C-alpha atoms as a PDB file:
ATOM      1  CA  UNK A   1      -8.310 -32.830  52.968  1.00  0.00           C
ATOM      2  CA  UNK A   2     -11.038 -35.501  52.756  1.00  0.00           C
ATOM      3  CA  UNK A   3     -13.764 -34.868  50.196  1.00  0.00           C
ATOM      4  CA  UNK A   4     -16.442 -34.832  52.901  1.00  0.00           C
ATOM      5  CA  UNK A   5     -15.092 -31.639  54.451  1.00  0.00           C
ATOM      6  CA  UNK A   6     -14.121 -29.765  51.294  1.00  0.00           C
ATOM      7  CA  UNK A   7     -15.928 -26.479  50.978  1.00  0.00           C
ATOM      8  CA  UNK A   8     -15.947 -26.454  47.154  1.00  0.00           C
ATOM      9  CA  UNK A   9     -16.732 -29.334  44.809  1.00  0.00           C
ATOM     10  CA  UNK A  10     -14.014 -30.647  42.504  1.00  0.00           C
ATOM     11  CA  UNK A  11     -16.492 -31.737  39.806  1.00  0.00           C
ATOM     12  CA  UNK A  12     -19.773 -30.070  38.910  1.00  0.00           C
ATOM     13  CA  UNK A  13     -22.306 -31.728  36.630  1.00  0.00           C
ATOM     14  CA  UNK A  14     -25.186 -29.898  35.008  1.00  0.00           C
ATOM     15  CA  UNK A  15     -27.324 -30.505  31.913  1.00  0.00           C
ATOM     16  CA  UNK A  16     -24.911 -28.585  29.651  1.00  0.00           C
ATOM     17  CA  UNK A  17     -21.445 -29.619  30.814  1.00  0.00           C
ATOM     18  CA  UNK A  18     -19.040 -31.163  33.279  1.00  0.00           C
ATOM     19  CA  UNK A  19     -16.839 -28.694  35.140  1.00  0.00           C
ATOM     20  CA  UNK A  20     -13.558 -29.861  36.630  1.00  0.00           C
ATOM     21  CA  UNK A  21     -11.752 -27.674  39.139  1.00  0.00           C
ATOM     22  CA  UNK A  22      -8.074 -28.311  39.649  1.00  0.00           C
ATOM     23  CA  UNK A  23      -5.278 -26.125  40.936  1.00  0.00           C
ATOM     24  CA  UNK A  24      -3.057 -27.453  38.121  1.00  0.00           C
ATOM     25  CA  UNK A  25      -5.066 -25.905  35.274  1.00  0.00           C
ATOM     26  CA  UNK A  26      -7.806 -23.924  36.947  1.00  0.00           C
ATOM     27  CA  UNK A  27     -11.364 -24.629  35.897  1.00  0.00           C
ATOM     28  CA  UNK A  28     -12.350 -26.359  32.733  1.00  0.00           C
ATOM     29  CA  UNK A  29     -15.941 -26.698  31.568  1.00  0.00           C
ATOM     30  CA  UNK A  30     -16.442 -29.359  28.926  1.00  0.00           C
ATOM     31  CA  UNK A  31     -19.835 -29.439  27.181  1.00  0.00           C
ATOM     32  CA  UNK A  32     -21.319 -32.940  27.183  1.00  0.00           C
ATOM     33  CA  UNK A  33     -21.264 -33.039  23.375  1.00  0.00           C
ATOM     34  CA  UNK A  34     -17.467 -32.629  23.531  1.00  0.00           C
ATOM     35  CA  UNK A  35     -16.917 -35.593  25.882  1.00  0.00           C
ATOM     36  CA  UNK A  36     -15.645 -38.606  23.934  1.00  0.00           C
ATOM     37  CA  UNK A  37     -15.176 -41.125  26.757  1.00  0.00           C
ATOM     38  CA  UNK A  38     -14.179 -41.609  30.392  1.00  0.00           C
ATOM     39  CA  UNK A  39     -11.258 -43.541  31.815  1.00  0.00           C
ATOM     40  CA  UNK A  40     -10.866 -45.129  35.252  1.00  0.00           C
ATOM     41  CA  UNK A  41      -7.363 -46.079  36.271  1.00  0.00           C
ATOM     42  CA  UNK A  42      -4.429 -45.409  38.542  1.00  0.00           C
ATOM     43  CA  UNK A  43      -2.062 -42.499  38.132  1.00  0.00           C
ATOM     44  CA  UNK A  44       0.928 -42.507  40.482  1.00  0.00           C
ATOM     45  CA  UNK A  45      -0.847 -45.094  42.617  1.00  0.00           C
ATOM     46  CA  UNK A  46      -4.083 -43.089  43.006  1.00  0.00           C
ATOM     47  CA  UNK A  47      -7.433 -44.170  41.592  1.00  0.00           C
ATOM     48  CA  UNK A  48      -8.586 -41.546  39.153  1.00  0.00           C
ATOM     49  CA  UNK A  49     -11.376 -40.742  36.719  1.00  0.00           C
ATOM     50  CA  UNK A  50     -10.203 -39.287  33.414  1.00  0.00           C
ATOM     51  CA  UNK A  51     -12.216 -37.235  30.947  1.00  0.00           C
ATOM     52  CA  UNK A  52     -11.255 -37.398  27.276  1.00  0.00           C
ATOM     53  CA  UNK A  53     -12.671 -34.693  25.009  1.00  0.00           C
ATOM     54  CA  UNK A  54     -13.399 -35.440  21.345  1.00  0.00           C
ATOM     55  CA  UNK A  55     -10.902 -32.884  20.000  1.00  0.00           C
ATOM     56  CA  UNK A  56      -8.068 -33.019  22.527  1.00  0.00           C
ATOM     57  CA  UNK A  57      -5.832 -30.635  20.564  1.00  0.00           C
ATOM     58  CA  UNK A  58      -8.543 -27.960  20.490  1.00  0.00           C
ATOM     59  CA  UNK A  59      -9.035 -28.287  24.246  1.00  0.00           C
ATOM     60  CA  UNK A  60      -5.305 -28.121  24.947  1.00  0.00           C
ATOM     61  CA  UNK A  61      -5.103 -24.923  22.925  1.00  0.00           C
ATOM     62  CA  UNK A  62      -7.466 -23.201  25.383  1.00  0.00           C
ATOM     63  CA  UNK A  63      -4.921 -23.520  28.222  1.00  0.00           C
ATOM     64  CA  UNK A  64      -1.745 -21.652  29.082  1.00  0.00           C
ATOM     65  CA  UNK A  65       1.553 -23.122  27.839  1.00  0.00           C
ATOM     66  CA  UNK A  66       2.415 -24.356  31.347  1.00  0.00           C
ATOM     67  CA  UNK A  67      -0.958 -26.073  31.755  1.00  0.00           C
ATOM     68  CA  UNK A  68      -0.631 -27.625  28.282  1.00  0.00           C
ATOM     69  CA  UNK A  69       2.629 -29.288  29.333  1.00  0.00           C
ATOM     70  CA  UNK A  70       0.873 -30.893  32.309  1.00  0.00           C
ATOM     71  CA  UNK A  71      -2.174 -31.906  30.282  1.00  0.00           C
ATOM     72  CA  UNK A  72       0.046 -33.452  27.592  1.00  0.00           C
ATOM     73  CA  UNK A  73       1.816 -35.448  30.307  1.00  0.00           C
ATOM     74  CA  UNK A  74      -1.580 -36.562  31.630  1.00  0.00           C
ATOM     75  CA  UNK A  75      -2.470 -37.912  28.180  1.00  0.00           C
ATOM     76  CA  UNK A  76       0.256 -40.536  28.579  1.00  0.00           C
ATOM     77  CA  UNK A  77      -1.942 -42.047  31.312  1.00  0.00           C
ATOM     78  CA  UNK A  78      -5.044 -42.076  29.106  1.00  0.00           C
ATOM     79  CA  UNK A  79      -6.743 -38.686  29.541  1.00  0.00           C
ATOM     80  CA  UNK A  80      -5.792 -35.017  29.738  1.00  0.00           C
ATOM     81  CA  UNK A  81      -8.205 -34.275  32.599  1.00  0.00           C
ATOM     82  CA  UNK A  82      -8.040 -36.425  35.729  1.00  0.00           C
ATOM     83  CA  UNK A  83      -9.935 -36.276  39.022  1.00  0.00           C
ATOM     84  CA  UNK A  84      -8.549 -38.163  42.009  1.00  0.00           C
ATOM     85  CA  UNK A  85     -11.032 -40.463  43.707  1.00  0.00           C
ATOM     86  CA  UNK A  86      -9.717 -39.191  47.052  1.00  0.00           C
ATOM     87  CA  UNK A  87     -11.241 -35.767  46.239  1.00  0.00           C
ATOM     88  CA  UNK A  88     -14.685 -37.217  45.534  1.00  0.00           C
ATOM     89  CA  UNK A  89     -17.475 -38.029  47.988  1.00  0.00           C
ATOM     90  CA  UNK A  90     -17.838 -41.424  46.265  1.00  0.00           C
ATOM     91  CA  UNK A  91     -15.988 -43.707  43.884  1.00  0.00           C
ATOM     92  CA  UNK A  92     -14.823 -43.110  40.324  1.00  0.00           C
ATOM     93  CA  UNK A  93     -17.447 -45.596  39.156  1.00  0.00           C
ATOM     94  CA  UNK A  94     -20.200 -43.665  40.936  1.00  0.00           C
ATOM     95  CA  UNK A  95     -19.113 -40.392  39.332  1.00  0.00           C
ATOM     96  CA  UNK A  96     -18.875 -42.072  35.907  1.00  0.00           C
ATOM     97  CA  UNK A  97     -22.398 -43.413  36.368  1.00  0.00           C
ATOM     98  CA  UNK A  98     -23.699 -39.937  37.236  1.00  0.00           C
ATOM     99  CA  UNK A  99     -21.905 -38.483  34.222  1.00  0.00           C
ATOM    100  CA  UNK A 100     -23.445 -41.102  31.951  1.00  0.00           C
ATOM    101  CA  UNK A 101     -26.880 -39.811  32.875  1.00  0.00           C
ATOM    102  CA  UNK A 102     -25.947 -36.640  30.997  1.00  0.00           C
ATOM    103  CA  UNK A 103     -23.970 -38.290  28.187  1.00  0.00           C
ATOM    104  CA  UNK A 104     -23.865 -42.063  27.756  1.00  0.00           C
ATOM    105  CA  UNK A 105     -20.220 -42.573  26.737  1.00  0.00           C
ATOM    106  CA  UNK A 106     -17.848 -45.484  27.097  1.00  0.00           C
ATOM    107  CA  UNK A 107     -16.016 -45.938  30.395  1.00  0.00           C
ATOM    108  CA  UNK A 108     -12.646 -47.580  29.876  1.00  0.00           C
ATOM    109  CA  UNK A 109     -11.050 -49.363  32.822  1.00  0.00           C
ATOM    110  CA  UNK A 110      -7.261 -49.266  32.664  1.00  0.00           C
END
């Protein structure tokens, strides 16, 4: 379903945190102070924006064992949390720019 007709946002930004909603691991809310950096790259041919928390192991521990397996696999591509550009109303770069307004972190292009 195109992002323009989705009824619920996939990413929510507010002054305290970034919230990512994904059917794979439910919702995750990462406080800005816990965000280490962002990654833009391709995963299985799709452009994606990745979020890398400072203490990845601590974040993985908050998920179910099944979700941890998926998030560990995601790490091989550069980040545990990925958002597909196809689910966004704009580009990965635009979302990264908006996120940097809340926390100016590095954006790594893969």
